[in-house]
Amino acid sequence: MELVALYKRVIGLDIHQAQITACALIEEADGSTHIEQRQFGGFKRDRRELADWVASLHPDEVVMESTGIYWKSPYAALEAAGIRAKVVNARHVKNVPGRKTDVGDAHWLAMLARAGLLRGSFVPKALLRELRLIARQRQKLVSQLASEKNRLHKVLTDSGVRLGVVVSDLHGKSARAMIKAIIAGLAPQEVLKLASARLKASREEIFDALQGDLTASHCFVLDELMCHIEEIEARIARFDVRLLAELESERATLALLQTIPGVDLIGAAMLLVEIGTDMDAFGNADRLASWVGICPGNNESAGKRKSGHVRKGNLYVRRLLCEFAHAASRTKSVFKSKFQSLVVRRGYKRAIIAIGHKILRTIFFMLKRREHYRDSTTDYEALSVQRNAPRWIKVLIKFGWITPASA
């Protein structure tokens, strides 16, 4: 296969857990091509040796596949040596039949890179890559917390306690106090005293819900679950503090993102470490949505539109966008009206994905233009007058421009 060469010195890297296969295509001064192949281990000294070897060849392009998480440490070693490698999507690099070996993979990567046919994936700065560890582990903890809360609810139901029927949040302040009292073995009359007066259910309904047949095993499991839930909540709080402290320099950007309906401080921080602040890395909003995997799939053949399922992408960003969409669909904003128009025709899940897509495009232009969010359904001038009119009237009365009677 003859390809037109755009680069004279390229290196392809096939990354595995314990082995790195490298293939260098070097074009000599007389036009001949020299191929040099090397294999390195996966340890730190091997990665350092790889970086020294790559630097000695002075390549125009260095490419590697994004194989799981194995590419990250070799990429960091090359970055420390001043070499900006290009990480390519393995789905875009399909091997020709008969070349499926480690050496063949590296050679094929080098050939495609030499012809300029590979496009690098988005790789954030080293600081954001480190903060991704914190943000993604926090998401794992949130998932564990939800699982443990559901399990506690199930054990309570198994024991005959129907507290989840009379309270909207089983882990609210009042409900949690009652659950702890149940675990401590207090009688239903004593537990009822801990119920908040703000609960909509009557005292009789709450008393009936507290009636159950708890055994020693129920109490033991409930106690362990409650301890684990509080431990996970404490861990999440520590992750939040660390993440926000590391993003102190991006306070203005975080405040900018929070102007979007449905986006809170932690959500903005977790999104920021995933997509970064430089939108030029993606080019346009369509590429960002494609990278996240929240845009409709593009599958058309013979003029017929086939599947429109969303493609694989950044699952962490997609999860955040779905959370933002759920929250934004309950606010007085353009996202609510869009959601209501879509949910009837397309269903709840498709409507949430569509709202997440819309929010992501909005975020792209906000970060690119450094402008805060302005909702098209809100009259900000009238809202400003309504909010500030009482204060303005007080000032006018104070300086004698109007009388209290005329106001």
Foldseek 3Di string as FASTA:
>chain_A
DDFDFPWAWEKFWEFDQFKIKIWIWHQDPVGDTDIDIDMFTLDPVRLLVVLVVVVVRVGPAYEYEPDPPRVPVSCVSNVVSVHHYFYFHPVVQDADPPQPDRNSSRVSRRVCVRNVNTDGDDDDDPLLVVLLVLLVVLVVLVVVLVVLVVVLCVLCVVQQQQQVVQAVDCPDPLNVQLLVCVLVPDDLVVSLVSHDPPGPDDSVVNSNNRDGHDDPVSSVSNVVSVVVSVVSVVVSVVSQVVLCVSCVVVPLVLVQLVLQFQADNSLSSSLCSVPPLDLVSQPALVSVCLQQQLFFDADDDPNDGDGRHTDDHNPSLQVSLLSSLVRRCPDPAPSVVQLVVCCVPPNNVNSSSVSSSVSSNVSSVCSVVVHHDDGPVDDVVVVVCVVCVVVVVVVCCVVVVDPPVVD
